[in-house]
Structures are given as structure tokens and as C-alpha cells.
Amino acid sequence: MTLNPGDLAPEFTLPDAQGNAVSLSDFRGQPLVLYFYPRDHTPGCTKEACGFRDLYAEYRSQNIGVLGVSTDDAKSHTKFTTKHQLPFPLLSDEGGKVASLYGSYGLKKFMGREFMGVYRHTFVIDADGKIMTIYRKVKPADHPAEVLKLFTPD
């Protein structure tokens, strides 16, 4: 299934690093940036997470939520969050079920190996739970500012 702008975002509930259940429906009434990323502690994922961290006050000033999702476990998320002082939740999607719902999980190739993993995709979801924009080609360093421009037109 391929999601498109205008579609209702698939509902989910996943644990954050502290084991608290976080659901898409918790963000009804406000826009949400839901970004899927391959792995904690890797260069691209660190750049992307720190970019959202650096702009987080601007996101919050407009009542925009930010959630990061990967297949890493809570222990990995806790280390990653602490090391980089991330102010938003990272959710554990062990097995990639939620990433699959969003078309963000599948076969990847790296250095001659094939494996199942998370694709770096971002979904911007409006206050009613509909997908506003989907980013499937993400450049980690520039991406958080690019997404914020949706809400702060020049």
C-alpha cells in the first residue's frame, strides 16, 4: 500500500525510550512531523535528529509535534537521546510493523549486502490526522529546516 498526501495517516501505538505508549491519536489537534530513520548512532541519522533538535523550539512555538521512529530498542534510543540531548520522543518499532504501514520498511542494499530495514522517510500529518506532505528523498542535514519551511513560508 502506498500512502499519498490527503490520505488518513495509519494509527499506531509504539513505546518511547521510557516504555510509555505513544499513539498517533495523541497528536490530534496539532500538526505532527513523523520521521522514520534507519539507525541510532549513525552519521546521517545523527545529523537528522540533531537538526530537529536544533529547530525544536521553532516547531514547538507553532505547536508542531516531532516523533522519530526506528527499529532500535529502548536502550539504544535512551543512549542516543541522552548523548545528543534530543527533546522529542524516539519510538521503538521493533520488527518494523509501523514503518511497513507507512511504506517505510523493506529490502535495502548496503556494501553488497541485502537486508530488511527502515527507509528514511518523513510524513507531515495535519491536525486532523491527514497526511499533508511525504518526503521520500531525504537529505539528513537539510531536512529539518526544509520541513519547517512548510509552516513558515517566506
Foldseek 3Di string as FASTA:
>chain_A
DADDFQAFQDWDWFAWLVGDTDIPVVQAQAKEKEWEDWDAPDDLVLLQQLLCQVCVVVCVVRPYAYEYEFQDHSVSNVVRCVVSVRPHTYGHPNVCPSLVSNVFWDWDDDPRDIDITGQTKIFIAGNRRGTHDIDRDDRRNCHSVVVVCVVVPD
